[in-house]
PDB file of N, CA and C in Angstrom:
ATOM      1  N   MET A   1      69.556  24.695  51.079  1.00  0.00           N
ATOM      2  CA  MET A   1      69.897  23.397  51.581  1.00  0.00           C
ATOM      3  C   MET A   1      68.657  22.525  51.691  1.00  0.00           C
ATOM      4  N   ALA A   2      67.564  23.143  52.145  1.00  0.00           N
ATOM      5  CA  ALA A   2      66.321  22.403  52.315  1.00  0.00           C
ATOM      6  C   ALA A   2      65.771  21.962  50.960  1.00  0.00           C
ATOM      7  N   THR A   3      65.969  22.773  49.927  1.00  0.00           N
ATOM      8  CA  THR A   3      65.435  22.401  48.615  1.00  0.00           C
ATOM      9  C   THR A   3      66.226  21.252  48.015  1.00  0.00           C
ATOM     10  N   ALA A   4      67.539  21.200  48.265  1.00  0.00           N
ATOM     11  CA  ALA A   4      68.349  20.096  47.745  1.00  0.00           C
ATOM     12  C   ALA A   4      67.962  18.803  48.430  1.00  0.00           C
ATOM     13  N   ALA A   5      67.709  18.836  49.715  1.00  0.00           N
ATOM     14  CA  ALA A   5      67.310  17.633  50.437  1.00  0.00           C
ATOM     15  C   ALA A   5      65.920  17.194  50.006  1.00  0.00           C
ATOM     16  N   ALA A   6      65.042  18.138  49.739  1.00  0.00           N
ATOM     17  CA  ALA A   6      63.688  17.793  49.305  1.00  0.00           C
ATOM     18  C   ALA A   6      63.716  17.206  47.894  1.00  0.00           C
ATOM     19  N   ALA A   7      64.617  17.697  47.048  1.00  0.00           N
ATOM     20  CA  ALA A   7      64.712  17.168  45.691  1.00  0.00           C
ATOM     21  C   ALA A   7      65.321  15.778  45.695  1.00  0.00           C
ATOM     22  N   ALA A   8      66.255  15.518  46.631  1.00  0.00           N
ATOM     23  CA  ALA A   8      66.905  14.218  46.680  1.00  0.00           C
ATOM     24  C   ALA A   8      65.997  13.171  47.309  1.00  0.00           C
ATOM     25  N   ALA A   9      65.123  13.567  48.220  1.00  0.00           N
ATOM     26  CA  ALA A   9      64.237  12.616  48.892  1.00  0.00           C
ATOM     27  C   ALA A   9      63.082  12.265  47.964  1.00  0.00           C
ATOM     28  N   PRO A  10      62.819  10.993  47.778  1.00  0.00           N
ATOM     29  CA  PRO A  10      61.717  10.608  46.896  1.00  0.00           C
ATOM     30  C   PRO A  10      60.377  10.874  47.553  1.00  0.00           C
ATOM     31  N   ASN A  11      59.385  11.085  46.729  1.00  0.00           N
ATOM     32  CA  ASN A  11      58.034  11.334  47.184  1.00  0.00           C
ATOM     33  C   ASN A  11      57.396  10.003  47.595  1.00  0.00           C
ATOM     34  N   LYS A  12      56.407  10.022  48.485  1.00  0.00           N
ATOM     35  CA  LYS A  12      55.744   8.798  48.902  1.00  0.00           C
ATOM     36  C   LYS A  12      55.066   8.113  47.723  1.00  0.00           C
ATOM     37  N   GLY A  13      54.497   8.881  46.852  1.00  0.00           N
ATOM     38  CA  GLY A  13      53.820   8.315  45.682  1.00  0.00           C
ATOM     39  C   GLY A  13      54.798   7.622  44.747  1.00  0.00           C
ATOM     40  N   GLN A  14      56.008   8.116  44.645  1.00  0.00           N
ATOM     41  CA  GLN A  14      57.000   7.506  43.774  1.00  0.00           C
ATOM     42  C   GLN A  14      57.498   6.196  44.349  1.00  0.00           C
ATOM     43  N   GLU A  15      57.566   6.096  45.673  1.00  0.00           N
ATOM     44  CA  GLU A  15      58.044   4.868  46.297  1.00  0.00           C
ATOM     45  C   GLU A  15      57.103   3.706  46.003  1.00  0.00           C
ATOM     46  N   GLN A  16      55.826   3.955  45.971  1.00  0.00           N
ATOM     47  CA  GLN A  16      54.846   2.902  45.787  1.00  0.00           C
ATOM     48  C   GLN A  16      54.484   2.706  44.319  1.00  0.00           C
ATOM     49  N   GLY A  17      55.107   3.404  43.439  1.00  0.00           N
ATOM     50  CA  GLY A  17      54.847   3.242  42.011  1.00  0.00           C
ATOM     51  C   GLY A  17      53.648   4.041  41.537  1.00  0.00           C
ATOM     52  N   LYS A  18      53.141   4.968  42.328  1.00  0.00           N
ATOM     53  CA  LYS A  18      52.008   5.794  41.936  1.00  0.00           C
ATOM     54  C   LYS A  18      52.525   7.075  41.300  1.00  0.00           C
ATOM     55  N   PRO A  19      51.790   7.622  40.359  1.00  0.00           N
ATOM     56  CA  PRO A  19      52.243   8.880  39.746  1.00  0.00           C
ATOM     57  C   PRO A  19      52.126  10.026  40.735  1.00  0.00           C
ATOM     58  N   GLN A  20      52.956  11.039  40.535  1.00  0.00           N
ATOM     59  CA  GLN A  20      52.930  12.219  41.387  1.00  0.00           C
ATOM     60  C   GLN A  20      51.666  13.022  41.132  1.00  0.00           C
ATOM     61  N   LYS A  21      51.336  13.883  42.088  1.00  0.00           N
ATOM     62  CA  LYS A  21      50.216  14.789  41.879  1.00  0.00           C
ATOM     63  C   LYS A  21      50.602  15.769  40.785  1.00  0.00           C
ATOM     64  N   GLY A  22      49.702  16.056  39.935  1.00  0.00           N
ATOM     65  CA  GLY A  22      49.976  17.002  38.869  1.00  0.00           C
ATOM     66  C   GLY A  22      50.440  16.316  37.589  1.00  0.00           C
ATOM     67  N   VAL A  23      50.821  15.048  37.645  1.00  0.00           N
ATOM     68  CA  VAL A  23      51.230  14.310  36.453  1.00  0.00           C
ATOM     69  C   VAL A  23      50.002  13.595  35.925  1.00  0.00           C
ATOM     70  N   GLN A  24      49.638  13.875  34.700  1.00  0.00           N
ATOM     71  CA  GLN A  24      48.448  13.263  34.125  1.00  0.00           C
ATOM     72  C   GLN A  24      48.846  12.213  33.111  1.00  0.00           C
ATOM     73  N   LEU A  25      48.147  11.114  33.168  1.00  0.00           N
ATOM     74  CA  LEU A  25      48.362  10.048  32.200  1.00  0.00           C
ATOM     75  C   LEU A  25      47.622  10.386  30.919  1.00  0.00           C
ATOM     76  N   PRO A  26      48.084   9.886  29.765  1.00  0.00           N
ATOM     77  CA  PRO A  26      47.382  10.180  28.519  1.00  0.00           C
ATOM     78  C   PRO A  26      45.982   9.568  28.540  1.00  0.00           C
ATOM     79  N   SER A  27      45.016  10.312  28.034  1.00  0.00           N
ATOM     80  CA  SER A  27      43.627   9.855  28.068  1.00  0.00           C
ATOM     81  C   SER A  27      43.345   8.811  26.992  1.00  0.00           C
ATOM     82  N   LYS A  28      44.027   8.870  25.864  1.00  0.00           N
ATOM     83  CA  LYS A  28      43.813   7.876  24.823  1.00  0.00           C
ATOM     84  C   LYS A  28      45.109   7.083  24.632  1.00  0.00           C
ATOM     85  N   PRO A  29      44.999   5.847  24.171  1.00  0.00           N
ATOM     86  CA  PRO A  29      46.209   5.031  24.008  1.00  0.00           C
ATOM     87  C   PRO A  29      47.126   5.604  22.927  1.00  0.00           C
ATOM     88  N   LEU A  30      48.395   5.334  23.100  1.00  0.00           N
ATOM     89  CA  LEU A  30      49.383   5.798  22.128  1.00  0.00           C
ATOM     90  C   LEU A  30      49.208   5.038  20.821  1.00  0.00           C
ATOM     91  N   PRO A  31      49.583   5.631  19.684  1.00  0.00           N
ATOM     92  CA  PRO A  31      49.425   4.930  18.405  1.00  0.00           C
ATOM     93  C   PRO A  31      50.350   3.714  18.338  1.00  0.00           C
ATOM     94  N   LEU A  32      49.886   2.683  17.644  1.00  0.00           N
ATOM     95  CA  LEU A  32      50.661   1.458  17.505  1.00  0.00           C
ATOM     96  C   LEU A  32      51.800   1.655  16.522  1.00  0.00           C
ATOM     97  N   SER A  33      52.852   0.871  16.729  1.00  0.00           N
ATOM     98  CA  SER A  33      53.960   0.927  15.778  1.00  0.00           C
ATOM     99  C   SER A  33      53.549   0.224  14.481  1.00  0.00           C
ATOM    100  N   GLN A  34      54.363   0.332  13.466  1.00  0.00           N
ATOM    101  CA  GLN A  34      54.028  -0.233  12.154  1.00  0.00           C
ATOM    102  C   GLN A  34      53.896  -1.747  12.229  1.00  0.00           C
ATOM    103  N   THR A  35      54.763  -2.442  12.997  1.00  0.00           N
ATOM    104  CA  THR A  35      54.686  -3.898  13.064  1.00  0.00           C
ATOM    105  C   THR A  35      53.443  -4.347  13.810  1.00  0.00           C
ATOM    106  N   GLU A  36      53.053  -3.615  14.859  1.00  0.00           N
ATOM    107  CA  GLU A  36      51.850  -3.988  15.589  1.00  0.00           C
ATOM    108  C   GLU A  36      50.613  -3.765  14.729  1.00  0.00           C
ATOM    109  N   ARG A  37      50.608  -2.707  13.939  1.00  0.00           N
ATOM    110  CA  ARG A  37      49.470  -2.441  13.065  1.00  0.00           C
ATOM    111  C   ARG A  37      49.352  -3.508  11.991  1.00  0.00           C
ATOM    112  N   SER A  38      50.475  -3.922  11.417  1.00  0.00           N
ATOM    113  CA  SER A  38      50.417  -4.893  10.332  1.00  0.00           C
ATOM    114  C   SER A  38      50.012  -6.267  10.834  1.00  0.00           C
ATOM    115  N   SER A  39      50.324  -6.597  12.109  1.00  0.00           N
ATOM    116  CA  SER A  39      49.938  -7.897  12.616  1.00  0.00           C
ATOM    117  C   SER A  39      48.472  -7.931  13.012  1.00  0.00           C
ATOM    118  N   GLN A  40      47.858  -6.770  13.255  1.00  0.00           N
ATOM    119  CA  GLN A  40      46.469  -6.745  13.654  1.00  0.00           C
ATOM    120  C   GLN A  40      45.517  -6.683  12.468  1.00  0.00           C
ATOM    121  N   THR A  41      45.953  -6.146  11.365  1.00  0.00           N
ATOM    122  CA  THR A  41      45.075  -6.063  10.207  1.00  0.00           C
ATOM    123  C   THR A  41      45.381  -7.218   9.265  1.00  0.00           C
ATOM    124  N   PRO A  42      44.373  -8.022   8.928  1.00  0.00           N
ATOM    125  CA  PRO A  42      44.645  -9.144   8.021  1.00  0.00           C
ATOM    126  C   PRO A  42      44.851  -8.637   6.602  1.00  0.00           C
ATOM    127  N   MET A  43      45.901  -9.126   5.984  1.00  0.00           N
ATOM    128  CA  MET A  43      46.179  -8.760   4.602  1.00  0.00           C
ATOM    129  C   MET A  43      46.211 -10.046   3.780  1.00  0.00           C
ATOM    130  N   ALA A  44      45.968  -9.924   2.503  1.00  0.00           N
ATOM    131  CA  ALA A  44      45.854 -11.094   1.653  1.00  0.00           C
ATOM    132  C   ALA A  44      47.174 -11.850   1.536  1.00  0.00           C
ATOM    133  N   CYS A  45      48.264 -11.157   1.343  1.00  0.00           N
ATOM    134  CA  CYS A  45      49.519 -11.832   1.049  1.00  0.00           C
ATOM    135  C   CYS A  45      50.672 -11.099   1.730  1.00  0.00           C
ATOM    136  N   SER A  46      50.680 -11.035   3.039  1.00  0.00           N
ATOM    137  CA  SER A  46      51.730 -10.286   3.727  1.00  0.00           C
ATOM    138  C   SER A  46      52.752 -11.249   4.324  1.00  0.00           C
ATOM    139  N   PHE A  47      53.976 -11.173   3.855  1.00  0.00           N
ATOM    140  CA  PHE A  47      55.075 -11.947   4.390  1.00  0.00           C
ATOM    141  C   PHE A  47      56.087 -10.972   4.958  1.00  0.00           C
ATOM    142  N   ASP A  48      56.567 -11.243   6.134  1.00  0.00           N
ATOM    143  CA  ASP A  48      57.658 -10.418   6.617  1.00  0.00           C
ATOM    144  C   ASP A  48      58.971 -11.086   6.220  1.00  0.00           C
ATOM    145  N   ALA A  49      60.057 -10.412   6.446  1.00  0.00           N
ATOM    146  CA  ALA A  49      61.354 -10.889   5.972  1.00  0.00           C
ATOM    147  C   ALA A  49      61.769 -12.185   6.655  1.00  0.00           C
ATOM    148  N   THR A  50      61.395 -12.373   7.920  1.00  0.00           N
ATOM    149  CA  THR A  50      61.786 -13.587   8.636  1.00  0.00           C
ATOM    150  C   THR A  50      61.141 -14.820   8.019  1.00  0.00           C
ATOM    151  N   LYS A  51      59.854 -14.735   7.715  1.00  0.00           N
ATOM    152  CA  LYS A  51      59.181 -15.874   7.079  1.00  0.00           C
ATOM    153  C   LYS A  51      59.758 -16.150   5.703  1.00  0.00           C
ATOM    154  N   LEU A  52      60.071 -15.099   4.969  1.00  0.00           N
ATOM    155  CA  LEU A  52      60.635 -15.273   3.636  1.00  0.00           C
ATOM    156  C   LEU A  52      61.986 -15.979   3.698  1.00  0.00           C
ATOM    157  N   TRP A  53      62.853 -15.544   4.618  1.00  0.00           N
ATOM    158  CA  TRP A  53      64.154 -16.200   4.775  1.00  0.00           C
ATOM    159  C   TRP A  53      63.981 -17.639   5.255  1.00  0.00           C
ATOM    160  N   GLY A  54      63.007 -17.869   6.126  1.00  0.00           N
ATOM    161  CA  GLY A  54      62.758 -19.230   6.599  1.00  0.00           C
ATOM    162  C   GLY A  54      62.358 -20.154   5.469  1.00  0.00           C
ATOM    163  N   TRP A  55      61.409 -19.704   4.651  1.00  0.00           N
ATOM    164  CA  TRP A  55      60.984 -20.521   3.519  1.00  0.00           C
ATOM    165  C   TRP A  55      62.116 -20.726   2.516  1.00  0.00           C
ATOM    166  N   LEU A  56      62.931 -19.695   2.331  1.00  0.00           N
ATOM    167  CA  LEU A  56      64.061 -19.820   1.406  1.00  0.00           C
ATOM    168  C   LEU A  56      65.051 -20.883   1.896  1.00  0.00           C
ATOM    169  N   LEU A  57      65.385 -20.843   3.180  1.00  0.00           N
ATOM    170  CA  LEU A  57      66.329 -21.822   3.727  1.00  0.00           C
ATOM    171  C   LEU A  57      65.760 -23.236   3.729  1.00  0.00           C
ATOM    172  N   VAL A  58      64.487 -23.379   4.050  1.00  0.00           N
ATOM    173  CA  VAL A  58      63.859 -24.705   4.013  1.00  0.00           C
ATOM    174  C   VAL A  58      63.822 -25.226   2.577  1.00  0.00           C
ATOM    175  N   SER A  59      63.537 -24.368   1.627  1.00  0.00           N
ATOM    176  CA  SER A  59      63.498 -24.788   0.224  1.00  0.00           C
ATOM    177  C   SER A  59      64.865 -25.217  -0.270  1.00  0.00           C
ATOM    178  N   ILE A  60      65.885 -24.444   0.049  1.00  0.00           N
ATOM    179  CA  ILE A  60      67.244 -24.803  -0.382  1.00  0.00           C
ATOM    180  C   ILE A  60      67.682 -26.114   0.253  1.00  0.00           C
ATOM    181  N   GLY A  61      67.386 -26.290   1.536  1.00  0.00           N
ATOM    182  CA  GLY A  61      67.726 -27.545   2.210  1.00  0.00           C
ATOM    183  C   GLY A  61      67.010 -28.739   1.610  1.00  0.00           C
ATOM    184  N   SER A  62      65.751 -28.555   1.257  1.00  0.00           N
ATOM    185  CA  SER A  62      64.983 -29.639   0.648  1.00  0.00           C
ATOM    186  C   SER A  62      65.525 -29.997  -0.727  1.00  0.00           C
ATOM    187  N   ILE A  63      65.886 -28.992  -1.496  1.00  0.00           N
ATOM    188  CA  ILE A  63      66.448 -29.250  -2.832  1.00  0.00           C
ATOM    189  C   ILE A  63      67.765 -30.012  -2.721  1.00  0.00           C
ATOM    190  N   PHE A  64      68.640 -29.607  -1.800  1.00  0.00           N
ATOM    191  CA  PHE A  64      69.900 -30.323  -1.626  1.00  0.00           C
ATOM    192  C   PHE A  64      69.677 -31.742  -1.123  1.00  0.00           C
ATOM    193  N   PHE A  65      68.702 -31.950  -0.234  1.00  0.00           N
ATOM    194  CA  PHE A  65      68.421 -33.299   0.252  1.00  0.00           C
ATOM    195  C   PHE A  65      67.939 -34.200  -0.870  1.00  0.00           C
ATOM    196  N   VAL A  66      67.013 -33.711  -1.675  1.00  0.00           N
ATOM    197  CA  VAL A  66      66.497 -34.526  -2.782  1.00  0.00           C
ATOM    198  C   VAL A  66      67.612 -34.804  -3.793  1.00  0.00           C
ATOM    199  N   GLY A  67      68.447 -33.807  -4.081  1.00  0.00           N
ATOM    200  CA  GLY A  67      69.560 -34.015  -5.006  1.00  0.00           C
ATOM    201  C   GLY A  67      70.559 -35.032  -4.491  1.00  0.00           C
ATOM    202  N   TYR A  68      70.904 -34.941  -3.197  1.00  0.00           N
ATOM    203  CA  TYR A  68      71.835 -35.908  -2.614  1.00  0.00           C
ATOM    204  C   TYR A  68      71.221 -37.301  -2.598  1.00  0.00           C
ATOM    205  N   PHE A  69      69.948 -37.394  -2.227  1.00  0.00           N
ATOM    206  CA  PHE A  69      69.267 -38.691  -2.181  1.00  0.00           C
ATOM    207  C   PHE A  69      69.275 -39.350  -3.553  1.00  0.00           C
ATOM    208  N   PHE A  70      69.032 -38.553  -4.592  1.00  0.00           N
ATOM    209  CA  PHE A  70      69.062 -39.103  -5.943  1.00  0.00           C
ATOM    210  C   PHE A  70      70.474 -39.554  -6.312  1.00  0.00           C
ATOM    211  N   LEU A  71      71.463 -38.672  -6.061  1.00  0.00           N
ATOM    212  CA  LEU A  71      72.830 -39.017  -6.476  1.00  0.00           C
ATOM    213  C   LEU A  71      73.394 -40.200  -5.697  1.00  0.00           C
ATOM    214  N   ALA A  72      73.159 -40.246  -4.391  1.00  0.00           N
ATOM    215  CA  ALA A  72      73.813 -41.265  -3.572  1.00  0.00           C
ATOM    216  C   ALA A  72      73.098 -42.604  -3.603  1.00  0.00           C
ATOM    217  N   LEU A  73      71.784 -42.625  -3.719  1.00  0.00           N
ATOM    218  CA  LEU A  73      71.072 -43.897  -3.617  1.00  0.00           C
ATOM    219  C   LEU A  73      70.365 -44.313  -4.903  1.00  0.00           C
ATOM    220  N   ILE A  74      69.617 -43.441  -5.509  1.00  0.00           N
ATOM    221  CA  ILE A  74      68.802 -43.828  -6.668  1.00  0.00           C
ATOM    222  C   ILE A  74      69.661 -43.977  -7.920  1.00  0.00           C
ATOM    223  N   SER A  75      70.734 -43.200  -8.048  1.00  0.00           N
ATOM    224  CA  SER A  75      71.559 -43.295  -9.262  1.00  0.00           C
ATOM    225  C   SER A  75      72.241 -44.653  -9.387  1.00  0.00           C
ATOM    226  N   LYS A  76      72.406 -45.375  -8.290  1.00  0.00           N
ATOM    227  CA  LYS A  76      73.008 -46.711  -8.352  1.00  0.00           C
ATOM    228  C   LYS A  76      72.055 -47.719  -8.997  1.00  0.00           C
ATOM    229  N   LEU A  77      70.769 -47.448  -8.951  1.00  0.00           N
ATOM    230  CA  LEU A  77      69.783 -48.363  -9.546  1.00  0.00           C
ATOM    231  C   LEU A  77      69.574 -48.105 -11.034  1.00  0.00           C
ATOM    232  N   LEU A  78      70.047 -46.965 -11.529  1.00  0.00           N
ATOM    233  CA  LEU A  78      69.869 -46.602 -12.925  1.00  0.00           C
ATOM    234  C   LEU A  78      70.999 -47.189 -13.773  1.00  0.00           C
ATOM    235  N   PRO A  79      70.802 -47.284 -15.094  1.00  0.00           N
ATOM    236  CA  PRO A  79      71.892 -47.739 -15.960  1.00  0.00           C
ATOM    237  C   PRO A  79      73.045 -46.720 -15.965  1.00  0.00           C
ATOM    238  N   PRO A  80      74.250 -47.130 -16.357  1.00  0.00           N
ATOM    239  CA  PRO A  80      75.399 -46.202 -16.360  1.00  0.00           C
ATOM    240  C   PRO A  80      75.116 -44.946 -17.167  1.00  0.00           C
ATOM    241  N   SER A  81      75.588 -43.819 -16.641  1.00  0.00           N
ATOM    242  CA  SER A  81      75.300 -42.527 -17.241  1.00  0.00           C
ATOM    243  C   SER A  81      76.556 -41.948 -17.882  1.00  0.00           C
ATOM    244  N   ASN A  82      76.347 -41.044 -18.863  1.00  0.00           N
ATOM    245  CA  ASN A  82      77.461 -40.351 -19.503  1.00  0.00           C
ATOM    246  C   ASN A  82      77.768 -39.025 -18.812  1.00  0.00           C
ATOM    247  N   ILE A  83      76.940 -38.607 -17.861  1.00  0.00           N
ATOM    248  CA  ILE A  83      77.177 -37.370 -17.125  1.00  0.00           C
ATOM    249  C   ILE A  83      78.235 -37.654 -16.057  1.00  0.00           C
ATOM    250  N   PRO A  84      79.333 -36.870 -16.033  1.00  0.00           N
ATOM    251  CA  PRO A  84      80.443 -37.199 -15.129  1.00  0.00           C
ATOM    252  C   PRO A  84      80.064 -37.210 -13.647  1.00  0.00           C
ATOM    253  N   LEU A  85      79.242 -36.275 -13.205  1.00  0.00           N
ATOM    254  CA  LEU A  85      78.876 -36.221 -11.789  1.00  0.00           C
ATOM    255  C   LEU A  85      78.070 -37.453 -11.385  1.00  0.00           C
ATOM    256  N   ILE A  86      77.096 -37.823 -12.205  1.00  0.00           N
ATOM    257  CA  ILE A  86      76.262 -38.988 -11.885  1.00  0.00           C
ATOM    258  C   ILE A  86      77.070 -40.270 -11.977  1.00  0.00           C
ATOM    259  N   SER A  87      77.932 -40.385 -12.970  1.00  0.00           N
ATOM    260  CA  SER A  87      78.732 -41.609 -13.092  1.00  0.00           C
ATOM    261  C   SER A  87      79.738 -41.750 -11.952  1.00  0.00           C
ATOM    262  N   SER A  88      80.261 -40.614 -11.436  1.00  0.00           N
ATOM    263  CA  SER A  88      81.180 -40.714 -10.294  1.00  0.00           C
ATOM    264  C   SER A  88      80.446 -41.184  -9.040  1.00  0.00           C
ATOM    265  N   PHE A  89      79.209 -40.754  -8.859  1.00  0.00           N
ATOM    266  CA  PHE A  89      78.431 -41.232  -7.705  1.00  0.00           C
ATOM    267  C   PHE A  89      77.966 -42.670  -7.912  1.00  0.00           C
ATOM    268  N   GLN A  90      77.744 -43.085  -9.156  1.00  0.00           N
ATOM    269  CA  GLN A  90      77.350 -44.468  -9.410  1.00  0.00           C
ATOM    270  C   GLN A  90      78.490 -45.435  -9.093  1.00  0.00           C
ATOM    271  N   ASN A  91      79.710 -45.018  -9.309  1.00  0.00           N
ATOM    272  CA  ASN A  91      80.860 -45.879  -9.064  1.00  0.00           C
ATOM    273  C   ASN A  91      81.421 -45.745  -7.651  1.00  0.00           C
ATOM    274  N   ASP A  92      80.881 -44.863  -6.849  1.00  0.00           N
ATOM    275  CA  ASP A  92      81.389 -44.610  -5.511  1.00  0.00           C
ATOM    276  C   ASP A  92      80.565 -45.363  -4.476  1.00  0.00           C
ATOM    277  N   TRP A  93      81.247 -45.905  -3.448  1.00  0.00           N
ATOM    278  CA  TRP A  93      80.554 -46.619  -2.378  1.00  0.00           C
ATOM    279  C   TRP A  93      80.758 -45.951  -1.030  1.00  0.00           C
ATOM    280  N   TYR A  94      81.245 -44.726  -1.003  1.00  0.00           N
ATOM    281  CA  TYR A  94      81.467 -44.027   0.265  1.00  0.00           C
ATOM    282  C   TYR A  94      80.273 -43.152   0.626  1.00  0.00           C
ATOM    283  N   TYR A  95      79.861 -42.285  -0.277  1.00  0.00           N
ATOM    284  CA  TYR A  95      78.820 -41.311   0.019  1.00  0.00           C
ATOM    285  C   TYR A  95      77.430 -41.927   0.160  1.00  0.00           C
ATOM    286  N   CYS A  96      77.197 -43.086  -0.436  1.00  0.00           N
ATOM    287  CA  CYS A  96      75.882 -43.708  -0.283  1.00  0.00           C
ATOM    288  C   CYS A  96      75.685 -44.256   1.127  1.00  0.00           C
ATOM    289  N   PHE A  97      76.789 -44.515   1.851  1.00  0.00           N
ATOM    290  CA  PHE A  97      76.684 -44.986   3.232  1.00  0.00           C
ATOM    291  C   PHE A  97      76.958 -43.896   4.260  1.00  0.00           C
ATOM    292  N   LEU A  98      77.433 -42.754   3.831  1.00  0.00           N
ATOM    293  CA  LEU A  98      77.850 -41.707   4.765  1.00  0.00           C
ATOM    294  C   LEU A  98      76.688 -41.186   5.610  1.00  0.00           C
ATOM    295  N   VAL A  99      75.628 -40.724   4.986  1.00  0.00           N
ATOM    296  CA  VAL A  99      74.506 -40.139   5.735  1.00  0.00           C
ATOM    297  C   VAL A  99      73.734 -41.198   6.529  1.00  0.00           C
ATOM    298  N   PRO A 100      73.385 -42.345   5.957  1.00  0.00           N
ATOM    299  CA  PRO A 100      72.661 -43.331   6.778  1.00  0.00           C
ATOM    300  C   PRO A 100      73.458 -43.815   7.995  1.00  0.00           C
ATOM    301  N   LEU A 101      74.772 -43.935   7.872  1.00  0.00           N
ATOM    302  CA  LEU A 101      75.566 -44.382   9.015  1.00  0.00           C
ATOM    303  C   LEU A 101      75.922 -43.247   9.966  1.00  0.00           C
ATOM    304  N   THR A 102      75.673 -42.013   9.558  1.00  0.00           N
ATOM    305  CA  THR A 102      75.901 -40.882  10.450  1.00  0.00           C
ATOM    306  C   THR A 102      74.751 -40.731  11.442  1.00  0.00           C
ATOM    307  N   LEU A 103      73.564 -41.171  11.087  1.00  0.00           N
ATOM    308  CA  LEU A 103      72.400 -41.012  11.963  1.00  0.00           C
ATOM    309  C   LEU A 103      72.561 -41.699  13.322  1.00  0.00           C
ATOM    310  N   PRO A 104      73.048 -42.949  13.427  1.00  0.00           N
ATOM    311  CA  PRO A 104      73.243 -43.522  14.764  1.00  0.00           C
ATOM    312  C   PRO A 104      74.288 -42.762  15.592  1.00  0.00           C
ATOM    313  N   ILE A 105      75.290 -42.232  14.944  1.00  0.00           N
ATOM    314  CA  ILE A 105      76.306 -41.456  15.655  1.00  0.00           C
ATOM    315  C   ILE A 105      75.694 -40.168  16.196  1.00  0.00           C
ATOM    316  N   ILE A 106      74.789 -39.554  15.444  1.00  0.00           N
ATOM    317  CA  ILE A 106      74.114 -38.348  15.919  1.00  0.00           C
ATOM    318  C   ILE A 106      73.250 -38.671  17.142  1.00  0.00           C
ATOM    319  N   VAL A 107      72.571 -39.830  17.126  1.00  0.00           N
ATOM    320  CA  VAL A 107      71.749 -40.228  18.275  1.00  0.00           C
ATOM    321  C   VAL A 107      72.630 -40.403  19.509  1.00  0.00           C
ATOM    322  N   VAL A 108      73.769 -41.044  19.369  1.00  0.00           N
ATOM    323  CA  VAL A 108      74.687 -41.231  20.501  1.00  0.00           C
ATOM    324  C   VAL A 108      75.215 -39.883  20.983  1.00  0.00           C
ATOM    325  N   ALA A 109      75.562 -38.986  20.069  1.00  0.00           N
ATOM    326  CA  ALA A 109      76.071 -37.673  20.459  1.00  0.00           C
ATOM    327  C   ALA A 109      75.006 -36.869  21.195  1.00  0.00           C
ATOM    328  N   VAL A 110      73.764 -36.941  20.754  1.00  0.00           N
ATOM    329  CA  VAL A 110      72.677 -36.227  21.434  1.00  0.00           C
ATOM    330  C   VAL A 110      72.465 -36.801  22.823  1.00  0.00           C
ATOM    331  N   TYR A 111      72.549 -38.117  22.961  1.00  0.00           N
ATOM    332  CA  TYR A 111      72.405 -38.736  24.285  1.00  0.00           C
ATOM    333  C   TYR A 111      73.518 -38.271  25.222  1.00  0.00           C
ATOM    334  N   PHE A 112      74.759 -38.276  24.765  1.00  0.00           N
ATOM    335  CA  PHE A 112      75.867 -37.832  25.624  1.00  0.00           C
ATOM    336  C   PHE A 112      75.753 -36.340  25.952  1.00  0.00           C
ATOM    337  N   HIS A 113      75.247 -35.555  25.028  1.00  0.00           N
ATOM    338  CA  HIS A 113      75.028 -34.139  25.319  1.00  0.00           C
ATOM    339  C   HIS A 113      73.983 -33.983  26.410  1.00  0.00           C
ATOM    340  N   TRP A 114      72.885 -34.717  26.310  1.00  0.00           N
ATOM    341  CA  TRP A 114      71.837 -34.672  27.334  1.00  0.00           C
ATOM    342  C   TRP A 114      72.385 -35.137  28.682  1.00  0.00           C
ATOM    343  N   LEU A 115      73.163 -36.220  28.671  1.00  0.00           N
ATOM    344  CA  LEU A 115      73.729 -36.759  29.907  1.00  0.00           C
ATOM    345  C   LEU A 115      74.684 -35.769  30.556  1.00  0.00           C
ATOM    346  N   SER A 116      75.521 -35.133  29.765  1.00  0.00           N
ATOM    347  CA  SER A 116      76.465 -34.162  30.336  1.00  0.00           C
ATOM    348  C   SER A 116      75.751 -32.959  30.892  1.00  0.00           C
ATOM    349  N   MET A 117      74.674 -32.499  30.239  1.00  0.00           N
ATOM    350  CA  MET A 117      73.912 -31.372  30.774  1.00  0.00           C
ATOM    351  C   MET A 117      73.224 -31.743  32.078  1.00  0.00           C
ATOM    352  N   LYS A 118      72.713 -32.973  32.205  1.00  0.00           N
ATOM    353  CA  LYS A 118      72.103 -33.418  33.460  1.00  0.00           C
ATOM    354  C   LYS A 118      73.139 -33.485  34.575  1.00  0.00           C
ATOM    355  N   MET A 119      74.331 -33.992  34.253  1.00  0.00           N
ATOM    356  CA  MET A 119      75.389 -34.080  35.273  1.00  0.00           C
ATOM    357  C   MET A 119      75.830 -32.683  35.691  1.00  0.00           C
ATOM    358  N   PHE A 120      75.938 -31.769  34.757  1.00  0.00           N
ATOM    359  CA  PHE A 120      76.339 -30.403  35.080  1.00  0.00           C
ATOM    360  C   PHE A 120      75.279 -29.714  35.915  1.00  0.00           C
ATOM    361  N   LYS A 121      74.006 -29.925  35.584  1.00  0.00           N
ATOM    362  CA  LYS A 121      72.920 -29.265  36.285  1.00  0.00           C
ATOM    363  C   LYS A 121      72.783 -29.761  37.723  1.00  0.00           C
ATOM    364  N   HIS A 122      73.000 -31.036  37.956  1.00  0.00           N
ATOM    365  CA  HIS A 122      72.789 -31.620  39.280  1.00  0.00           C
ATOM    366  C   HIS A 122      74.078 -31.825  40.062  1.00  0.00           C
ATOM    367  N   ALA A 123      75.181 -31.334  39.554  1.00  0.00           N
ATOM    368  CA  ALA A 123      76.470 -31.494  40.270  1.00  0.00           C
ATOM    369  C   ALA A 123      76.622 -30.491  41.372  1.00  0.00           C
TER     370      ALA A 123
END
């Protein structure tokens, strides 16, 4: 009975966060994981997967932006084209105004989002 009570009762050293007597800490630091080792040693051309995906997504977004900008705005300044996609955008007056007129609506939506979060936080 006494041993069960002694095992259930915590030691004074454990209460204060100190190691027990007889428990030794490792004398040398534990080896680093592979990611910690790779971040500490400089390499000439090391990309991890997150950076690669980031650059891929930024590149794809940039390509689509430049393509849309050309089709919606610059193609109207060029002479009529025989390519069906370009000629459809040259004759269209909806998509050339869609993105520029969406920007003020985004500003208003961001303002209302900020306002609602302030009201929720201070209510």
